[in-house]
Amino acid sequence: MSKIIQAVNSMISNSYLIDSAMYGHSNELFFVYKNKYKWSIKQQDDGNYSLWFYPGDVKIQDLVHIEGNEWETIPMIHYTTKELPQREAIESFNELYRIVKEKVFGMDQVLDEIIKDMDDLPF
């Protein structure tokens, strides 16, 4: 198994360490893992996923607003399920995308409140 797939699976298992999730241009989702690792993920039109890691000092809030040729100056590492055609890669990237998208919309809090309501039922 590829190290990137193992890392993605670790992020999925420890999704509570994902924060600062936000939308960028073209529905790319940006997020920070463990308060220090900057990432973005996007579902491509062909159904594949792209995942980028940003090792530089640029802030996640600034990455969200970058467009066009500005990307040429940003250090990054790109992974795609096209290069990792294993079924597990697609499933893992898809799950990470879903988790980050839910965090963009604050679903953790919404679902926790709904689940808490079940605990308050009298029966």
Protein backbone atom coordinates (compact mmCIF):
# COMPACT_ATOMS: atom_id res chain seq x y z
CA MET A 1 0.00 0.00 0.00
CA SER A 2 1.23 3.47 -0.87
CA LYS A 3 2.30 5.79 1.95
CA ILE A 4 -0.12 8.48 0.75
CA ILE A 5 -3.03 6.05 1.03
CA GLN A 6 -1.88 5.14 4.55
CA ALA A 7 -1.67 8.86 5.41
CA VAL A 8 -5.14 9.53 3.98
CA ASN A 9 -6.54 6.61 5.97
CA SER A 10 -4.90 8.01 9.11
CA MET A 11 -6.49 11.42 8.48
CA ILE A 12 -9.85 9.68 8.05
CA SER A 13 -9.41 7.72 11.30
CA ASN A 14 -8.37 10.89 13.13
CA SER A 15 -10.76 13.27 11.40
CA TYR A 16 -11.14 15.27 14.62
CA LEU A 17 -7.64 16.62 13.82
CA ILE A 18 -8.91 18.20 10.58
CA ASP A 19 -9.81 21.87 10.90
CA SER A 20 -9.85 25.19 9.03
CA ALA A 21 -11.82 23.49 6.25
CA MET A 22 -13.00 25.90 3.56
CA TYR A 23 -13.95 26.12 -0.09
CA GLY A 24 -11.53 27.47 -2.66
CA HIS A 25 -11.98 28.09 -6.36
CA SER A 26 -13.54 25.36 -8.51
CA ASN A 27 -14.89 23.48 -5.47
CA GLU A 28 -11.44 22.65 -4.16
CA LEU A 29 -11.59 22.00 -0.42
CA PHE A 30 -8.72 23.29 1.73
CA PHE A 31 -7.96 22.07 5.23
CA VAL A 32 -5.32 21.82 7.92
CA TYR A 33 -4.40 18.56 9.64
CA LYS A 34 -2.90 18.54 13.17
CA ASN A 35 -2.75 22.34 13.16
CA LYS A 36 0.27 22.30 10.84
CA TYR A 37 -0.16 20.30 7.62
CA LYS A 38 -1.93 22.21 4.83
CA TRP A 39 -3.86 20.21 2.24
CA SER A 40 -6.52 20.56 -0.41
CA ILE A 41 -8.65 17.95 -2.13
CA LYS A 42 -10.88 18.10 -5.18
CA GLN A 43 -13.14 15.69 -7.02
CA GLN A 44 -12.36 15.95 -10.72
CA ASP A 45 -14.97 15.93 -13.49
CA ASP A 46 -13.90 12.40 -14.47
CA GLY A 47 -14.62 11.06 -10.97
CA ASN A 48 -10.99 10.89 -9.87
CA TYR A 49 -9.65 12.82 -6.89
CA SER A 50 -6.68 15.14 -6.57
CA LEU A 51 -4.96 15.81 -3.26
CA TRP A 52 -2.33 18.52 -2.74
CA PHE A 53 0.08 19.04 0.13
CA TYR A 54 1.52 22.54 0.69
CA PRO A 55 4.85 22.40 2.59
CA GLY A 56 5.58 26.13 2.48
CA ASP A 57 4.82 28.95 4.89
CA VAL A 58 1.77 30.27 3.06
CA LYS A 59 -1.37 30.31 5.23
CA ILE A 60 -4.38 28.18 4.35
CA GLN A 61 -6.55 31.33 4.23
CA ASP A 62 -4.26 32.71 1.52
CA LEU A 63 -4.20 29.47 -0.48
CA VAL A 64 -7.98 29.62 -0.82
CA HIS A 65 -7.74 32.88 -2.77
CA ILE A 66 -4.92 32.00 -5.17
CA GLU A 67 -5.85 31.89 -8.84
CA GLY A 68 -4.25 31.27 -12.23
CA ASN A 69 -0.51 31.78 -12.63
CA GLU A 70 -0.03 32.53 -8.94
CA TRP A 71 -0.03 28.75 -8.34
CA GLU A 72 3.30 28.48 -10.16
CA THR A 73 5.03 30.13 -7.18
CA ILE A 74 3.47 27.91 -4.52
CA PRO A 75 5.40 24.78 -3.50
CA MET A 76 3.15 21.73 -3.50
CA ILE A 77 3.03 17.99 -3.94
CA HIS A 78 0.17 16.54 -6.00
CA TYR A 79 -1.40 13.10 -5.69
CA THR A 80 -4.20 11.79 -7.87
CA THR A 81 -6.23 8.61 -7.98
CA LYS A 82 -5.31 8.40 -11.67
CA GLU A 83 -1.77 7.56 -10.54
CA LEU A 84 -3.07 5.33 -7.75
CA PRO A 85 -5.72 3.31 -9.59
CA GLN A 86 -6.21 0.92 -6.73
CA ARG A 87 -9.80 0.72 -5.55
CA GLU A 88 -8.65 1.54 -2.03
CA ALA A 89 -7.13 4.84 -3.20
CA ILE A 90 -10.41 5.97 -4.76
CA GLU A 91 -12.42 4.88 -1.71
CA SER A 92 -9.99 6.55 0.71
CA PHE A 93 -9.78 9.84 -1.22
CA ASN A 94 -13.59 9.84 -1.57
CA GLU A 95 -14.04 9.37 2.19
CA LEU A 96 -11.54 12.13 2.99
CA TYR A 97 -13.30 14.46 0.54
CA ARG A 98 -16.66 13.74 2.22
CA ILE A 99 -15.23 14.37 5.69
CA VAL A 100 -13.63 17.67 4.69
CA LYS A 101 -16.81 18.80 2.90
CA GLU A 102 -18.84 18.04 6.03
CA LYS A 103 -16.39 20.11 8.06
CA VAL A 104 -16.80 23.03 5.65
CA PHE A 105 -20.50 23.04 6.49
CA GLY A 106 -20.04 22.38 10.23
CA MET A 107 -21.76 19.01 10.11
CA ASP A 108 -19.86 17.67 13.14
CA GLN A 109 -21.68 20.11 15.38
CA VAL A 110 -25.04 19.63 13.63
CA LEU A 111 -24.88 15.84 13.88
CA ASP A 112 -23.66 15.96 17.50
CA GLU A 113 -26.66 18.13 18.42
CA ILE A 114 -29.07 15.77 16.65
CA ILE A 115 -27.53 12.72 18.31
CA LYS A 116 -27.64 14.45 21.71
CA ASP A 117 -31.38 14.92 21.22
CA MET A 118 -31.72 11.12 21.13
CA ASP A 119 -30.06 10.89 24.55
CA ASP A 120 -32.69 13.27 25.95
CA LEU A 121 -35.66 11.11 24.88
CA PRO A 122 -37.71 9.86 27.84
CA PHE A 123 -38.04 6.27 26.57
